[in-house]
């Protein structure tokens, strides 16, 4: 049995497989959130541009609010395809990353950046196109001298993330799926897409505009009596 390191910086962890990442990237974050039990989504964290998308394993970073020392350390450690997931405590009083660091992330081949905190140089980053999801923007810069932790469990946007978990982001935001569960959700995601496609076709054809489950749910909620329908 392997005992996890208690050091503040963990170099080794098990990542969600590239095959699972590739398949999950085909689905909207909303689809994956639904089949994961309508959970695991980040509050307040949004893409810098609506067209930005990301999918990959979480490389987690915990920083003190307003300090990005450990982000620089993480960039030196992360592997291509990793998503930097930064627990910035939701603080937006100063930016944790800007154009210099994000350009470096792109050159390093990272899969994207998710920050529960602020960024800056937003015009340049939109033009760069590298996927960045953040809680806000602020022109003020960070300090670089307070220690933090790398590849420990973190919280970002009100959601728990473990290193190696599946991260998927799009225009709606970011969803986190536990590494151990990710593969099992893919068939459910495929079925949900098929079901929603059929439902959309029915709506466009003006067939069954009322959801088939609605009356039963209204009866269960006490809005309709047994035997009643809308």
C-alpha atoms as a PDB file:
ATOM      1  CA  UNK A   1       0.000   0.000   0.000  1.00  0.00           C
ATOM      2  CA  UNK A   2       1.386   3.375  -1.043  1.00  0.00           C
ATOM      3  CA  UNK A   3       1.314   6.066   1.620  1.00  0.00           C
ATOM      4  CA  UNK A   4       0.661   9.534   0.161  1.00  0.00           C
ATOM      5  CA  UNK A   5       3.348  12.116   0.742  1.00  0.00           C
ATOM      6  CA  UNK A   6       2.706  14.603   3.534  1.00  0.00           C
ATOM      7  CA  UNK A   7       4.991  17.182   1.931  1.00  0.00           C
ATOM      8  CA  UNK A   8       3.373  20.441   0.851  1.00  0.00           C
ATOM      9  CA  UNK A   9       4.419  19.714  -2.729  1.00  0.00           C
ATOM     10  CA  UNK A  10       3.301  16.370  -4.141  1.00  0.00           C
ATOM     11  CA  UNK A  11       4.921  15.412  -7.410  1.00  0.00           C
ATOM     12  CA  UNK A  12       3.148  12.148  -8.170  1.00  0.00           C
ATOM     13  CA  UNK A  13      -0.563  11.391  -8.386  1.00  0.00           C
ATOM     14  CA  UNK A  14      -2.889   9.362 -10.568  1.00  0.00           C
ATOM     15  CA  UNK A  15      -4.513  11.304 -13.379  1.00  0.00           C
ATOM     16  CA  UNK A  16      -7.793  10.572 -15.122  1.00  0.00           C
ATOM     17  CA  UNK A  17      -6.851   8.651 -18.282  1.00  0.00           C
ATOM     18  CA  UNK A  18      -6.283  10.465 -21.601  1.00  0.00           C
ATOM     19  CA  UNK A  19      -8.922   8.233 -23.209  1.00  0.00           C
ATOM     20  CA  UNK A  20     -11.548   9.331 -20.701  1.00  0.00           C
ATOM     21  CA  UNK A  21     -10.506  12.968 -21.140  1.00  0.00           C
ATOM     22  CA  UNK A  22     -10.840  12.685 -24.906  1.00  0.00           C
ATOM     23  CA  UNK A  23     -14.330  11.216 -24.665  1.00  0.00           C
ATOM     24  CA  UNK A  24     -15.478  13.631 -21.963  1.00  0.00           C
ATOM     25  CA  UNK A  25     -14.324  16.602 -24.046  1.00  0.00           C
ATOM     26  CA  UNK A  26     -17.114  15.810 -26.524  1.00  0.00           C
ATOM     27  CA  UNK A  27     -19.796  16.641 -23.959  1.00  0.00           C
ATOM     28  CA  UNK A  28     -21.037  19.915 -22.567  1.00  0.00           C
ATOM     29  CA  UNK A  29     -20.182  20.638 -18.963  1.00  0.00           C
ATOM     30  CA  UNK A  30     -23.945  20.731 -18.321  1.00  0.00           C
ATOM     31  CA  UNK A  31     -24.405  17.165 -19.600  1.00  0.00           C
ATOM     32  CA  UNK A  32     -21.638  15.851 -17.365  1.00  0.00           C
ATOM     33  CA  UNK A  33     -22.974  17.788 -14.369  1.00  0.00           C
ATOM     34  CA  UNK A  34     -26.443  16.297 -14.889  1.00  0.00           C
ATOM     35  CA  UNK A  35     -25.262  12.694 -15.091  1.00  0.00           C
ATOM     36  CA  UNK A  36     -22.960  13.279 -12.109  1.00  0.00           C
ATOM     37  CA  UNK A  37     -26.023  13.977  -9.979  1.00  0.00           C
ATOM     38  CA  UNK A  38     -26.267  17.718 -10.642  1.00  0.00           C
ATOM     39  CA  UNK A  39     -23.202  18.412  -8.579  1.00  0.00           C
ATOM     40  CA  UNK A  40     -19.527  19.295  -8.960  1.00  0.00           C
ATOM     41  CA  UNK A  41     -19.903  22.630 -10.724  1.00  0.00           C
ATOM     42  CA  UNK A  42     -17.972  25.741  -9.760  1.00  0.00           C
ATOM     43  CA  UNK A  43     -19.752  28.893  -8.693  1.00  0.00           C
ATOM     44  CA  UNK A  44     -18.481  32.341  -9.867  1.00  0.00           C
ATOM     45  CA  UNK A  45     -15.741  30.840 -12.110  1.00  0.00           C
ATOM     46  CA  UNK A  46     -16.375  31.616 -15.785  1.00  0.00           C
ATOM     47  CA  UNK A  47     -14.479  31.514 -19.097  1.00  0.00           C
ATOM     48  CA  UNK A  48     -12.673  34.652 -20.179  1.00  0.00           C
ATOM     49  CA  UNK A  49     -14.312  34.221 -23.603  1.00  0.00           C
ATOM     50  CA  UNK A  50     -17.492  32.182 -24.238  1.00  0.00           C
ATOM     51  CA  UNK A  51     -15.791  30.019 -26.880  1.00  0.00           C
ATOM     52  CA  UNK A  52     -13.079  28.785 -24.546  1.00  0.00           C
ATOM     53  CA  UNK A  53     -13.203  25.073 -23.702  1.00  0.00           C
ATOM     54  CA  UNK A  54     -10.986  22.776 -21.676  1.00  0.00           C
ATOM     55  CA  UNK A  55     -10.841  19.153 -20.563  1.00  0.00           C
ATOM     56  CA  UNK A  56      -8.101  17.379 -18.651  1.00  0.00           C
ATOM     57  CA  UNK A  57      -6.792  16.180 -15.293  1.00  0.00           C
ATOM     58  CA  UNK A  58      -6.683  18.598 -12.375  1.00  0.00           C
ATOM     59  CA  UNK A  59      -3.280  19.797 -11.187  1.00  0.00           C
ATOM     60  CA  UNK A  60      -4.297  21.443  -7.934  1.00  0.00           C
ATOM     61  CA  UNK A  61      -2.708  24.480  -6.319  1.00  0.00           C
ATOM     62  CA  UNK A  62      -3.558  26.185  -3.043  1.00  0.00           C
ATOM     63  CA  UNK A  63      -2.300  29.734  -2.574  1.00  0.00           C
ATOM     64  CA  UNK A  64      -2.731  32.408   0.014  1.00  0.00           C
ATOM     65  CA  UNK A  65      -5.042  35.130  -1.263  1.00  0.00           C
ATOM     66  CA  UNK A  66      -3.091  37.530  -3.477  1.00  0.00           C
ATOM     67  CA  UNK A  67       0.116  35.485  -3.745  1.00  0.00           C
ATOM     68  CA  UNK A  68       1.108  33.411  -6.810  1.00  0.00           C
ATOM     69  CA  UNK A  69       4.422  31.875  -5.732  1.00  0.00           C
ATOM     70  CA  UNK A  70       3.031  28.339  -5.823  1.00  0.00           C
ATOM     71  CA  UNK A  71       1.491  28.840  -9.264  1.00  0.00           C
ATOM     72  CA  UNK A  72       4.970  29.484 -10.654  1.00  0.00           C
ATOM     73  CA  UNK A  73       6.173  26.312  -8.916  1.00  0.00           C
ATOM     74  CA  UNK A  74       3.256  24.323 -10.322  1.00  0.00           C
ATOM     75  CA  UNK A  75       3.945  25.505 -13.861  1.00  0.00           C
ATOM     76  CA  UNK A  76       7.450  24.097 -13.537  1.00  0.00           C
ATOM     77  CA  UNK A  77       5.998  20.711 -12.510  1.00  0.00           C
ATOM     78  CA  UNK A  78       2.801  20.218 -14.522  1.00  0.00           C
ATOM     79  CA  UNK A  79       2.654  17.935 -17.557  1.00  0.00           C
ATOM     80  CA  UNK A  80       1.191  18.706 -20.986  1.00  0.00           C
ATOM     81  CA  UNK A  81      -2.583  18.490 -20.889  1.00  0.00           C
ATOM     82  CA  UNK A  82      -2.867  19.210 -17.169  1.00  0.00           C
ATOM     83  CA  UNK A  83      -5.422  21.789 -16.047  1.00  0.00           C
ATOM     84  CA  UNK A  84      -4.076  24.127 -13.370  1.00  0.00           C
ATOM     85  CA  UNK A  85      -6.857  24.396 -10.772  1.00  0.00           C
ATOM     86  CA  UNK A  86      -6.033  27.203  -8.373  1.00  0.00           C
ATOM     87  CA  UNK A  87      -7.695  27.694  -5.010  1.00  0.00           C
ATOM     88  CA  UNK A  88      -7.303  31.452  -4.738  1.00  0.00           C
ATOM     89  CA  UNK A  89      -9.896  31.703  -1.936  1.00  0.00           C
ATOM     90  CA  UNK A  90     -12.255  33.585  -4.242  1.00  0.00           C
ATOM     91  CA  UNK A  91     -10.205  36.739  -3.689  1.00  0.00           C
ATOM     92  CA  UNK A  92     -10.327  39.206  -6.596  1.00  0.00           C
ATOM     93  CA  UNK A  93      -8.430  42.088  -4.986  1.00  0.00           C
ATOM     94  CA  UNK A  94      -5.440  41.356  -7.212  1.00  0.00           C
ATOM     95  CA  UNK A  95      -4.651  39.185 -10.226  1.00  0.00           C
ATOM     96  CA  UNK A  96      -2.895  35.858  -9.721  1.00  0.00           C
ATOM     97  CA  UNK A  97      -1.967  35.412 -13.400  1.00  0.00           C
ATOM     98  CA  UNK A  98      -1.613  37.557 -16.513  1.00  0.00           C
ATOM     99  CA  UNK A  99      -0.309  37.473 -20.067  1.00  0.00           C
ATOM    100  CA  UNK A 100       3.247  36.396 -19.233  1.00  0.00           C
ATOM    101  CA  UNK A 101       2.241  33.355 -17.199  1.00  0.00           C
ATOM    102  CA  UNK A 102      -0.610  32.318 -19.483  1.00  0.00           C
ATOM    103  CA  UNK A 103       1.628  32.533 -22.559  1.00  0.00           C
ATOM    104  CA  UNK A 104       4.068  30.265 -20.716  1.00  0.00           C
ATOM    105  CA  UNK A 105       1.233  27.825 -19.942  1.00  0.00           C
ATOM    106  CA  UNK A 106       0.376  27.667 -23.637  1.00  0.00           C
ATOM    107  CA  UNK A 107       3.988  27.033 -24.641  1.00  0.00           C
ATOM    108  CA  UNK A 108       4.230  24.314 -21.977  1.00  0.00           C
ATOM    109  CA  UNK A 109       1.265  22.545 -23.565  1.00  0.00           C
ATOM    110  CA  UNK A 110      -0.967  22.742 -20.518  1.00  0.00           C
ATOM    111  CA  UNK A 111      -4.677  22.141 -21.037  1.00  0.00           C
ATOM    112  CA  UNK A 112      -5.963  25.292 -19.401  1.00  0.00           C
ATOM    113  CA  UNK A 113      -6.190  27.332 -16.213  1.00  0.00           C
ATOM    114  CA  UNK A 114      -9.035  27.520 -13.701  1.00  0.00           C
ATOM    115  CA  UNK A 115      -8.633  30.185 -10.996  1.00  0.00           C
ATOM    116  CA  UNK A 116     -10.948  30.873  -8.078  1.00  0.00           C
ATOM    117  CA  UNK A 117      -9.451  34.342  -8.087  1.00  0.00           C
ATOM    118  CA  UNK A 118      -8.631  37.143 -10.516  1.00  0.00           C
ATOM    119  CA  UNK A 119      -6.598  37.491 -13.704  1.00  0.00           C
ATOM    120  CA  UNK A 120      -5.395  40.490 -15.691  1.00  0.00           C
ATOM    121  CA  UNK A 121      -4.314  41.433 -19.239  1.00  0.00           C
ATOM    122  CA  UNK A 122      -7.703  40.215 -20.377  1.00  0.00           C
ATOM    123  CA  UNK A 123      -7.582  41.681 -23.896  1.00  0.00           C
ATOM    124  CA  UNK A 124      -4.285  39.931 -24.584  1.00  0.00           C
ATOM    125  CA  UNK A 125      -5.560  36.664 -23.127  1.00  0.00           C
ATOM    126  CA  UNK A 126      -8.703  36.718 -25.254  1.00  0.00           C
ATOM    127  CA  UNK A 127      -6.553  37.218 -28.330  1.00  0.00           C
ATOM    128  CA  UNK A 128      -4.234  34.399 -27.230  1.00  0.00           C
ATOM    129  CA  UNK A 129      -7.192  32.028 -27.013  1.00  0.00           C
ATOM    130  CA  UNK A 130      -5.686  29.758 -24.360  1.00  0.00           C
ATOM    131  CA  UNK A 131      -8.540  28.571 -22.107  1.00  0.00           C
ATOM    132  CA  UNK A 132      -8.679  30.594 -18.897  1.00  0.00           C
ATOM    133  CA  UNK A 133     -11.550  30.413 -16.411  1.00  0.00           C
ATOM    134  CA  UNK A 134     -11.526  32.852 -13.489  1.00  0.00           C
ATOM    135  CA  UNK A 135     -13.690  34.518 -10.863  1.00  0.00           C
ATOM    136  CA  UNK A 136     -12.868  38.037 -12.053  1.00  0.00           C
ATOM    137  CA  UNK A 137     -10.242  40.475 -13.276  1.00  0.00           C
ATOM    138  CA  UNK A 138      -8.142  43.099 -11.548  1.00  0.00           C
ATOM    139  CA  UNK A 139      -5.153  45.130 -12.817  1.00  0.00           C
ATOM    140  CA  UNK A 140      -3.394  44.881  -9.457  1.00  0.00           C
ATOM    141  CA  UNK A 141      -0.528  42.368  -9.321  1.00  0.00           C
ATOM    142  CA  UNK A 142       0.230  39.654  -6.729  1.00  0.00           C
ATOM    143  CA  UNK A 143       3.023  39.064  -4.276  1.00  0.00           C
ATOM    144  CA  UNK A 144       5.385  36.100  -4.707  1.00  0.00           C
ATOM    145  CA  UNK A 145       6.655  34.991  -1.318  1.00  0.00           C
ATOM    146  CA  UNK A 146       3.966  33.111   0.645  1.00  0.00           C
ATOM    147  CA  UNK A 147       4.108  29.292   0.634  1.00  0.00           C
ATOM    148  CA  UNK A 148       1.137  27.148  -0.322  1.00  0.00           C
ATOM    149  CA  UNK A 149       0.470  23.555  -1.384  1.00  0.00           C
ATOM    150  CA  UNK A 150       0.555  21.626  -4.659  1.00  0.00           C
ATOM    151  CA  UNK A 151      -1.508  18.534  -5.502  1.00  0.00           C
ATOM    152  CA  UNK A 152      -3.498  18.413  -2.307  1.00  0.00           C
ATOM    153  CA  UNK A 153      -7.307  18.492  -2.232  1.00  0.00           C
ATOM    154  CA  UNK A 154      -8.543  22.042  -2.781  1.00  0.00           C
ATOM    155  CA  UNK A 155     -11.806  23.947  -2.965  1.00  0.00           C
ATOM    156  CA  UNK A 156     -12.576  26.254  -5.887  1.00  0.00           C
ATOM    157  CA  UNK A 157     -15.881  27.893  -6.621  1.00  0.00           C
ATOM    158  CA  UNK A 158     -17.443  26.000  -3.728  1.00  0.00           C
ATOM    159  CA  UNK A 159     -16.469  22.608  -5.155  1.00  0.00           C
ATOM    160  CA  UNK A 160     -13.933  20.065  -3.883  1.00  0.00           C
ATOM    161  CA  UNK A 161     -11.222  18.996  -6.317  1.00  0.00           C
ATOM    162  CA  UNK A 162      -8.635  16.267  -5.903  1.00  0.00           C
ATOM    163  CA  UNK A 163      -5.503  16.061  -8.029  1.00  0.00           C
ATOM    164  CA  UNK A 164      -6.176  13.959 -11.107  1.00  0.00           C
ATOM    165  CA  UNK A 165      -9.936  14.607 -11.174  1.00  0.00           C
ATOM    166  CA  UNK A 166     -11.584  15.280 -14.541  1.00  0.00           C
ATOM    167  CA  UNK A 167     -12.092  18.977 -15.289  1.00  0.00           C
ATOM    168  CA  UNK A 168     -14.356  20.068 -18.145  1.00  0.00           C
ATOM    169  CA  UNK A 169     -15.175  23.690 -18.915  1.00  0.00           C
ATOM    170  CA  UNK A 170     -17.135  25.566 -21.563  1.00  0.00           C
ATOM    171  CA  UNK A 171     -19.326  28.664 -21.926  1.00  0.00           C
ATOM    172  CA  UNK A 172     -21.519  27.557 -19.002  1.00  0.00           C
ATOM    173  CA  UNK A 173     -18.612  27.168 -16.571  1.00  0.00           C
ATOM    174  CA  UNK A 174     -16.592  24.343 -15.029  1.00  0.00           C
ATOM    175  CA  UNK A 175     -17.617  20.887 -13.812  1.00  0.00           C
ATOM    176  CA  UNK A 176     -15.435  18.579 -11.714  1.00  0.00           C
ATOM    177  CA  UNK A 177     -15.864  14.796 -11.883  1.00  0.00           C
ATOM    178  CA  UNK A 178     -14.023  12.510  -9.479  1.00  0.00           C
ATOM    179  CA  UNK A 179     -11.321  10.549 -11.276  1.00  0.00           C
ATOM    180  CA  UNK A 180     -12.715   7.237 -10.046  1.00  0.00           C
ATOM    181  CA  UNK A 181     -16.210   8.013 -11.420  1.00  0.00           C
ATOM    182  CA  UNK A 182     -15.343   9.681 -14.718  1.00  0.00           C
ATOM    183  CA  UNK A 183     -15.291   6.612 -16.981  1.00  0.00           C
ATOM    184  CA  UNK A 184     -18.594   5.300 -15.599  1.00  0.00           C
ATOM    185  CA  UNK A 185     -20.381   8.555 -16.495  1.00  0.00           C
ATOM    186  CA  UNK A 186     -19.505   8.477 -20.199  1.00  0.00           C
ATOM    187  CA  UNK A 187     -22.262   6.010 -21.232  1.00  0.00           C
ATOM    188  CA  UNK A 188     -24.755   8.016 -19.185  1.00  0.00           C
ATOM    189  CA  UNK A 189     -23.641  11.191 -20.941  1.00  0.00           C
ATOM    190  CA  UNK A 190     -24.075   9.562 -24.350  1.00  0.00           C
ATOM    191  CA  UNK A 191     -27.593   8.422 -23.426  1.00  0.00           C
ATOM    192  CA  UNK A 192     -28.546  11.865 -22.129  1.00  0.00           C
ATOM    193  CA  UNK A 193     -27.358  13.509 -25.344  1.00  0.00           C
ATOM    194  CA  UNK A 194     -29.421  11.015 -27.387  1.00  0.00           C
ATOM    195  CA  UNK A 195     -32.489  11.590 -25.197  1.00  0.00           C
ATOM    196  CA  UNK A 196     -32.170  15.374 -25.380  1.00  0.00           C
ATOM    197  CA  UNK A 197     -31.639  15.255 -29.154  1.00  0.00           C
ATOM    198  CA  UNK A 198     -34.884  13.301 -29.540  1.00  0.00           C
ATOM    199  CA  UNK A 199     -36.701  15.677 -27.199  1.00  0.00           C
ATOM    200  CA  UNK A 200     -35.454  18.675 -29.181  1.00  0.00           C
ATOM    201  CA  UNK A 201     -36.565  17.065 -32.441  1.00  0.00           C
ATOM    202  CA  UNK A 202     -40.031  16.533 -30.920  1.00  0.00           C
ATOM    203  CA  UNK A 203     -40.194  20.165 -29.775  1.00  0.00           C
ATOM    204  CA  UNK A 204     -39.225  21.491 -33.193  1.00  0.00           C
ATOM    205  CA  UNK A 205     -41.838  19.206 -34.805  1.00  0.00           C
ATOM    206  CA  UNK A 206     -44.453  20.426 -32.267  1.00  0.00           C
ATOM    207  CA  UNK A 207     -44.803  16.905 -30.872  1.00  0.00           C
ATOM    208  CA  UNK A 208     -45.210  16.312 -27.144  1.00  0.00           C
ATOM    209  CA  UNK A 209     -44.443  19.888 -26.177  1.00  0.00           C
ATOM    210  CA  UNK A 210     -45.420  19.046 -22.581  1.00  0.00           C
ATOM    211  CA  UNK A 211     -42.781  16.822 -20.923  1.00  0.00           C
ATOM    212  CA  UNK A 212     -44.091  13.301 -20.336  1.00  0.00           C
ATOM    213  CA  UNK A 213     -43.010  13.367 -16.688  1.00  0.00           C
ATOM    214  CA  UNK A 214     -44.707  16.667 -15.791  1.00  0.00           C
ATOM    215  CA  UNK A 215     -48.130  15.452 -14.593  1.00  0.00           C
ATOM    216  CA  UNK A 216     -46.654  12.727 -12.402  1.00  0.00           C
ATOM    217  CA  UNK A 217     -44.217  15.174 -10.815  1.00  0.00           C
ATOM    218  CA  UNK A 218     -47.006  17.679 -10.167  1.00  0.00           C
ATOM    219  CA  UNK A 219     -49.083  14.946  -8.507  1.00  0.00           C
ATOM    220  CA  UNK A 220     -46.102  13.892  -6.383  1.00  0.00           C
ATOM    221  CA  UNK A 221     -45.660  17.523  -5.336  1.00  0.00           C
ATOM    222  CA  UNK A 222     -49.321  17.795  -4.389  1.00  0.00           C
ATOM    223  CA  UNK A 223     -50.141  20.337  -7.102  1.00  0.00           C
ATOM    224  CA  UNK A 224     -52.445  17.896  -8.939  1.00  0.00           C
ATOM    225  CA  UNK A 225     -54.767  15.334  -7.375  1.00  0.00           C
ATOM    226  CA  UNK A 226     -54.530  11.668  -8.323  1.00  0.00           C
ATOM    227  CA  UNK A 227     -56.015  11.207 -11.781  1.00  0.00           C
ATOM    228  CA  UNK A 228     -55.837  14.916 -12.642  1.00  0.00           C
ATOM    229  CA  UNK A 229     -53.827  16.213 -15.554  1.00  0.00           C
ATOM    230  CA  UNK A 230     -52.973  19.693 -16.796  1.00  0.00           C
END
